[in-house]
């Protein structure tokens, strides 16, 4: 499944199922991530990107056949309080340094929201981030929530519980006002 979603300027944004990534796309994603993270985290791999959960779908921005941005999404049922909730967990959000500040990140996030709702039928989008970039996600239509989150560590698989890292959600097939109350269990590694 490769679905064109928009064309910002001369760029193209597509949603590609992980199993449908071409060798050229895999190589381009490797260059994008290694250009940013190689020195700190080693080489990127789609099966376990830096210890995080892998993406089912990749939203990719490219210009002149060069990948310049990415958002990964994995559909999963998590627990919120006593409720099972289907989310598209978001990870691997990255725009090449040369392309930042041009609206590519917002276009990627909006394309991801369309994809998680229309193609994945997720009730909500779900992501965690650094405090310094909460404003970016809010500009892209995400809403910050305050919850205690339990997940498996990306480093060693042990259980981690936190309530200090920013968590944001966006509407999928349900409005954010429908988000249940209670602690969150990701039932796996974060994205």
C-alpha atoms as a PDB file:
ATOM      1  CA  UNK A   1       0.000   0.000   0.000  1.00  0.00           C
ATOM      2  CA  UNK A   2       1.499   3.303  -1.108  1.00  0.00           C
ATOM      3  CA  UNK A   3      -0.917   6.205  -0.860  1.00  0.00           C
ATOM      4  CA  UNK A   4      -0.015   9.774  -1.925  1.00  0.00           C
ATOM      5  CA  UNK A   5      -1.384  12.178   0.682  1.00  0.00           C
ATOM      6  CA  UNK A   6      -0.279  15.663  -0.316  1.00  0.00           C
ATOM      7  CA  UNK A   7       2.333  17.574  -2.247  1.00  0.00           C
ATOM      8  CA  UNK A   8       3.894  20.362  -0.150  1.00  0.00           C
ATOM      9  CA  UNK A   9       5.774  22.664  -2.563  1.00  0.00           C
ATOM     10  CA  UNK A  10       7.703  20.298  -4.839  1.00  0.00           C
ATOM     11  CA  UNK A  11       7.689  17.555  -2.234  1.00  0.00           C
ATOM     12  CA  UNK A  12       5.574  14.437  -1.991  1.00  0.00           C
ATOM     13  CA  UNK A  13       4.104  12.878   1.148  1.00  0.00           C
ATOM     14  CA  UNK A  14       3.082   9.210   0.998  1.00  0.00           C
ATOM     15  CA  UNK A  15       1.929   6.548   3.425  1.00  0.00           C
ATOM     16  CA  UNK A  16       3.679   3.214   2.879  1.00  0.00           C
ATOM     17  CA  UNK A  17       3.014  -0.053   4.713  1.00  0.00           C
ATOM     18  CA  UNK A  18       6.191  -1.387   6.328  1.00  0.00           C
ATOM     19  CA  UNK A  19       6.027  -4.583   4.267  1.00  0.00           C
ATOM     20  CA  UNK A  20       5.792  -2.512   1.057  1.00  0.00           C
ATOM     21  CA  UNK A  21       8.904  -0.386   1.615  1.00  0.00           C
ATOM     22  CA  UNK A  22      11.232  -0.703  -1.346  1.00  0.00           C
ATOM     23  CA  UNK A  23      14.986  -1.217  -0.918  1.00  0.00           C
ATOM     24  CA  UNK A  24      15.452   2.388  -2.091  1.00  0.00           C
ATOM     25  CA  UNK A  25      13.007   3.658   0.561  1.00  0.00           C
ATOM     26  CA  UNK A  26      14.679   1.588   3.280  1.00  0.00           C
ATOM     27  CA  UNK A  27      18.063   2.976   2.267  1.00  0.00           C
ATOM     28  CA  UNK A  28      16.696   6.534   2.233  1.00  0.00           C
ATOM     29  CA  UNK A  29      15.145   6.124   5.679  1.00  0.00           C
ATOM     30  CA  UNK A  30      18.434   4.730   6.965  1.00  0.00           C
ATOM     31  CA  UNK A  31      20.270   7.792   5.631  1.00  0.00           C
ATOM     32  CA  UNK A  32      17.714  10.148   7.200  1.00  0.00           C
ATOM     33  CA  UNK A  33      17.886   8.550  10.649  1.00  0.00           C
ATOM     34  CA  UNK A  34      21.619   7.819  10.643  1.00  0.00           C
ATOM     35  CA  UNK A  35      22.292  11.424   9.632  1.00  0.00           C
ATOM     36  CA  UNK A  36      20.597  12.522  12.856  1.00  0.00           C
ATOM     37  CA  UNK A  37      21.231   9.722  15.355  1.00  0.00           C
ATOM     38  CA  UNK A  38      24.122   7.472  14.253  1.00  0.00           C
ATOM     39  CA  UNK A  39      26.685   8.915  16.679  1.00  0.00           C
ATOM     40  CA  UNK A  40      24.373   8.569  19.701  1.00  0.00           C
ATOM     41  CA  UNK A  41      22.285   5.475  18.966  1.00  0.00           C
ATOM     42  CA  UNK A  42      23.988   3.517  16.184  1.00  0.00           C
ATOM     43  CA  UNK A  43      22.454   2.483  12.877  1.00  0.00           C
ATOM     44  CA  UNK A  44      18.709   2.672  12.297  1.00  0.00           C
ATOM     45  CA  UNK A  45      16.812  -0.523  11.615  1.00  0.00           C
ATOM     46  CA  UNK A  46      13.123  -0.749  10.667  1.00  0.00           C
ATOM     47  CA  UNK A  47      12.546  -3.867  12.804  1.00  0.00           C
ATOM     48  CA  UNK A  48      13.568  -2.311  16.133  1.00  0.00           C
ATOM     49  CA  UNK A  49      14.370   1.370  15.571  1.00  0.00           C
ATOM     50  CA  UNK A  50      16.674   2.298  18.457  1.00  0.00           C
ATOM     51  CA  UNK A  51      14.809  -0.189  20.675  1.00  0.00           C
ATOM     52  CA  UNK A  52      11.378   1.325  20.044  1.00  0.00           C
ATOM     53  CA  UNK A  53       8.420  -0.532  18.525  1.00  0.00           C
ATOM     54  CA  UNK A  54       8.531  -0.755  14.729  1.00  0.00           C
ATOM     55  CA  UNK A  55       6.091   1.028  12.442  1.00  0.00           C
ATOM     56  CA  UNK A  56       3.263  -0.683  10.564  1.00  0.00           C
ATOM     57  CA  UNK A  57       2.955   2.351   8.294  1.00  0.00           C
ATOM     58  CA  UNK A  58       5.533   5.007   7.420  1.00  0.00           C
ATOM     59  CA  UNK A  59       4.446   8.483   6.358  1.00  0.00           C
ATOM     60  CA  UNK A  60       7.347   9.716   4.246  1.00  0.00           C
ATOM     61  CA  UNK A  61       8.147  13.143   2.815  1.00  0.00           C
ATOM     62  CA  UNK A  62      10.472  13.197  -0.168  1.00  0.00           C
ATOM     63  CA  UNK A  63      11.758  15.840  -2.537  1.00  0.00           C
ATOM     64  CA  UNK A  64      13.445  14.909  -5.784  1.00  0.00           C
ATOM     65  CA  UNK A  65      13.413  11.247  -4.666  1.00  0.00           C
ATOM     66  CA  UNK A  66      15.327  12.071  -1.460  1.00  0.00           C
ATOM     67  CA  UNK A  67      13.588  11.214   1.808  1.00  0.00           C
ATOM     68  CA  UNK A  68      13.507  14.338   3.974  1.00  0.00           C
ATOM     69  CA  UNK A  69      10.953  13.443   6.656  1.00  0.00           C
ATOM     70  CA  UNK A  70       9.236  10.553   8.406  1.00  0.00           C
ATOM     71  CA  UNK A  71       6.486   9.624  10.851  1.00  0.00           C
ATOM     72  CA  UNK A  72       6.087   5.979  11.874  1.00  0.00           C
ATOM     73  CA  UNK A  73       2.814   4.512  13.146  1.00  0.00           C
ATOM     74  CA  UNK A  74       1.942   1.202  14.775  1.00  0.00           C
ATOM     75  CA  UNK A  75      -1.631   0.133  15.550  1.00  0.00           C
ATOM     76  CA  UNK A  76      -2.035  -1.380  18.999  1.00  0.00           C
ATOM     77  CA  UNK A  77      -4.667  -1.965  21.655  1.00  0.00           C
ATOM     78  CA  UNK A  78      -3.582  -0.333  24.905  1.00  0.00           C
ATOM     79  CA  UNK A  79      -5.298  -0.093  28.288  1.00  0.00           C
ATOM     80  CA  UNK A  80      -6.531   3.233  29.646  1.00  0.00           C
ATOM     81  CA  UNK A  81      -7.968   2.762  33.119  1.00  0.00           C
ATOM     82  CA  UNK A  82     -10.288  -0.241  32.651  1.00  0.00           C
ATOM     83  CA  UNK A  83     -10.777   0.364  28.914  1.00  0.00           C
ATOM     84  CA  UNK A  84      -9.174  -1.177  25.844  1.00  0.00           C
ATOM     85  CA  UNK A  85      -8.350   1.583  23.366  1.00  0.00           C
ATOM     86  CA  UNK A  86      -7.049   1.176  19.822  1.00  0.00           C
ATOM     87  CA  UNK A  87      -4.317   3.684  19.081  1.00  0.00           C
ATOM     88  CA  UNK A  88      -1.845   4.415  16.365  1.00  0.00           C
ATOM     89  CA  UNK A  89       1.347   4.902  18.333  1.00  0.00           C
ATOM     90  CA  UNK A  90       3.525   7.529  16.713  1.00  0.00           C
ATOM     91  CA  UNK A  91       7.311   7.388  16.642  1.00  0.00           C
ATOM     92  CA  UNK A  92      10.268   8.180  14.473  1.00  0.00           C
ATOM     93  CA  UNK A  93       9.110  11.735  13.784  1.00  0.00           C
ATOM     94  CA  UNK A  94      12.006  13.370  11.980  1.00  0.00           C
ATOM     95  CA  UNK A  95      12.589  16.060   9.372  1.00  0.00           C
ATOM     96  CA  UNK A  96      16.061  16.470   7.884  1.00  0.00           C
ATOM     97  CA  UNK A  97      17.823  19.495   9.393  1.00  0.00           C
ATOM     98  CA  UNK A  98      18.038  21.250   6.018  1.00  0.00           C
ATOM     99  CA  UNK A  99      14.237  21.113   5.651  1.00  0.00           C
ATOM    100  CA  UNK A 100      13.143  22.186   9.134  1.00  0.00           C
ATOM    101  CA  UNK A 101      11.092  25.352   9.488  1.00  0.00           C
ATOM    102  CA  UNK A 102       9.400  24.886   6.092  1.00  0.00           C
ATOM    103  CA  UNK A 103       6.186  23.229   7.293  1.00  0.00           C
ATOM    104  CA  UNK A 104       7.215  19.686   6.357  1.00  0.00           C
ATOM    105  CA  UNK A 105       6.739  18.413   9.929  1.00  0.00           C
ATOM    106  CA  UNK A 106       3.195  19.794  10.150  1.00  0.00           C
ATOM    107  CA  UNK A 107       2.312  18.286   6.757  1.00  0.00           C
ATOM    108  CA  UNK A 108       3.705  14.924   7.892  1.00  0.00           C
ATOM    109  CA  UNK A 109       1.729  15.006  11.142  1.00  0.00           C
ATOM    110  CA  UNK A 110      -1.498  15.956   9.372  1.00  0.00           C
ATOM    111  CA  UNK A 111      -0.959  13.173   6.835  1.00  0.00           C
ATOM    112  CA  UNK A 112      -0.334  10.794   9.743  1.00  0.00           C
ATOM    113  CA  UNK A 113      -3.626  11.852  11.346  1.00  0.00           C
ATOM    114  CA  UNK A 114      -5.493  11.192   8.109  1.00  0.00           C
ATOM    115  CA  UNK A 115      -3.804   7.815   7.740  1.00  0.00           C
ATOM    116  CA  UNK A 116      -4.424   6.668  11.314  1.00  0.00           C
ATOM    117  CA  UNK A 117      -8.086   7.571  11.028  1.00  0.00           C
ATOM    118  CA  UNK A 118      -8.896   6.524   7.447  1.00  0.00           C
ATOM    119  CA  UNK A 119      -6.485   3.649   6.758  1.00  0.00           C
ATOM    120  CA  UNK A 120      -5.762   2.229  10.228  1.00  0.00           C
ATOM    121  CA  UNK A 121      -9.163   2.893  11.868  1.00  0.00           C
ATOM    122  CA  UNK A 122      -7.395   3.808  15.122  1.00  0.00           C
ATOM    123  CA  UNK A 123      -9.542   5.502  17.728  1.00  0.00           C
ATOM    124  CA  UNK A 124      -6.747   7.926  18.626  1.00  0.00           C
ATOM    125  CA  UNK A 125      -3.216   8.840  17.762  1.00  0.00           C
ATOM    126  CA  UNK A 126      -0.833   8.568  20.720  1.00  0.00           C
ATOM    127  CA  UNK A 127       2.694   9.858  21.216  1.00  0.00           C
ATOM    128  CA  UNK A 128       5.246  10.803  23.827  1.00  0.00           C
ATOM    129  CA  UNK A 129       7.826  13.528  23.308  1.00  0.00           C
ATOM    130  CA  UNK A 130      10.339  15.868  24.902  1.00  0.00           C
ATOM    131  CA  UNK A 131       8.852  18.915  26.667  1.00  0.00           C
ATOM    132  CA  UNK A 132      10.571  21.250  24.216  1.00  0.00           C
ATOM    133  CA  UNK A 133       8.499  20.034  21.243  1.00  0.00           C
ATOM    134  CA  UNK A 134       5.013  19.857  22.775  1.00  0.00           C
ATOM    135  CA  UNK A 135       4.155  23.157  21.052  1.00  0.00           C
ATOM    136  CA  UNK A 136       4.945  21.697  17.634  1.00  0.00           C
ATOM    137  CA  UNK A 137       2.531  18.805  18.156  1.00  0.00           C
ATOM    138  CA  UNK A 138      -0.163  21.094  19.554  1.00  0.00           C
ATOM    139  CA  UNK A 139       0.156  23.256  16.434  1.00  0.00           C
ATOM    140  CA  UNK A 140      -0.376  20.093  14.372  1.00  0.00           C
ATOM    141  CA  UNK A 141      -3.671  19.386  16.186  1.00  0.00           C
ATOM    142  CA  UNK A 142      -2.564  17.155  19.060  1.00  0.00           C
ATOM    143  CA  UNK A 143      -3.750  17.606  22.652  1.00  0.00           C
ATOM    144  CA  UNK A 144      -1.597  17.042  25.712  1.00  0.00           C
ATOM    145  CA  UNK A 145      -2.963  14.755  28.394  1.00  0.00           C
ATOM    146  CA  UNK A 146      -1.603  14.086  31.861  1.00  0.00           C
ATOM    147  CA  UNK A 147      -1.431  10.379  32.655  1.00  0.00           C
ATOM    148  CA  UNK A 148       0.740   7.796  34.318  1.00  0.00           C
ATOM    149  CA  UNK A 149       2.117   5.541  31.608  1.00  0.00           C
ATOM    150  CA  UNK A 150       3.479   2.011  31.870  1.00  0.00           C
ATOM    151  CA  UNK A 151       5.538   0.474  29.052  1.00  0.00           C
ATOM    152  CA  UNK A 152       8.466  -1.812  28.405  1.00  0.00           C
ATOM    153  CA  UNK A 153      11.879  -0.175  28.338  1.00  0.00           C
ATOM    154  CA  UNK A 154      13.335   0.253  24.863  1.00  0.00           C
ATOM    155  CA  UNK A 155      16.743  -0.593  26.332  1.00  0.00           C
ATOM    156  CA  UNK A 156      16.177  -3.805  28.275  1.00  0.00           C
ATOM    157  CA  UNK A 157      12.481  -4.725  28.209  1.00  0.00           C
ATOM    158  CA  UNK A 158      11.881  -4.070  31.913  1.00  0.00           C
ATOM    159  CA  UNK A 159       8.662  -2.342  32.982  1.00  0.00           C
ATOM    160  CA  UNK A 160       8.888   1.445  33.175  1.00  0.00           C
ATOM    161  CA  UNK A 161       6.276   3.687  34.804  1.00  0.00           C
ATOM    162  CA  UNK A 162       6.356   7.462  34.370  1.00  0.00           C
ATOM    163  CA  UNK A 163       4.085  10.464  34.728  1.00  0.00           C
ATOM    164  CA  UNK A 164       6.515  13.231  33.830  1.00  0.00           C
ATOM    165  CA  UNK A 165       7.042  12.802  30.081  1.00  0.00           C
ATOM    166  CA  UNK A 166       4.601  14.707  27.856  1.00  0.00           C
ATOM    167  CA  UNK A 167       1.913  12.519  26.252  1.00  0.00           C
ATOM    168  CA  UNK A 168      -0.289  13.779  23.438  1.00  0.00           C
ATOM    169  CA  UNK A 169      -3.300  12.358  21.622  1.00  0.00           C
ATOM    170  CA  UNK A 170      -5.203  13.280  18.484  1.00  0.00           C
ATOM    171  CA  UNK A 171      -8.582  12.206  17.173  1.00  0.00           C
ATOM    172  CA  UNK A 172      -8.858   9.149  14.995  1.00  0.00           C
ATOM    173  CA  UNK A 173     -12.249   7.522  14.696  1.00  0.00           C
ATOM    174  CA  UNK A 174     -13.161   9.109  18.059  1.00  0.00           C
ATOM    175  CA  UNK A 175     -12.896  12.676  19.306  1.00  0.00           C
ATOM    176  CA  UNK A 176     -10.243  13.469  21.930  1.00  0.00           C
ATOM    177  CA  UNK A 177     -13.055  14.320  24.365  1.00  0.00           C
ATOM    178  CA  UNK A 178     -13.854  10.571  24.355  1.00  0.00           C
ATOM    179  CA  UNK A 179     -10.424   9.645  25.787  1.00  0.00           C
ATOM    180  CA  UNK A 180     -11.099   7.576  28.936  1.00  0.00           C
ATOM    181  CA  UNK A 181      -9.663   8.447  32.328  1.00  0.00           C
ATOM    182  CA  UNK A 182      -7.062   6.353  34.083  1.00  0.00           C
ATOM    183  CA  UNK A 183      -3.507   5.133  33.880  1.00  0.00           C
ATOM    184  CA  UNK A 184      -2.154   3.987  30.520  1.00  0.00           C
ATOM    185  CA  UNK A 185      -0.528   0.619  29.844  1.00  0.00           C
ATOM    186  CA  UNK A 186       1.094   0.567  26.399  1.00  0.00           C
ATOM    187  CA  UNK A 187       1.282  -3.251  26.503  1.00  0.00           C
ATOM    188  CA  UNK A 188       4.720  -3.115  24.940  1.00  0.00           C
ATOM    189  CA  UNK A 189       7.530  -0.779  24.044  1.00  0.00           C
ATOM    190  CA  UNK A 190       6.834   2.866  23.230  1.00  0.00           C
ATOM    191  CA  UNK A 191       7.048   4.120  19.659  1.00  0.00           C
END
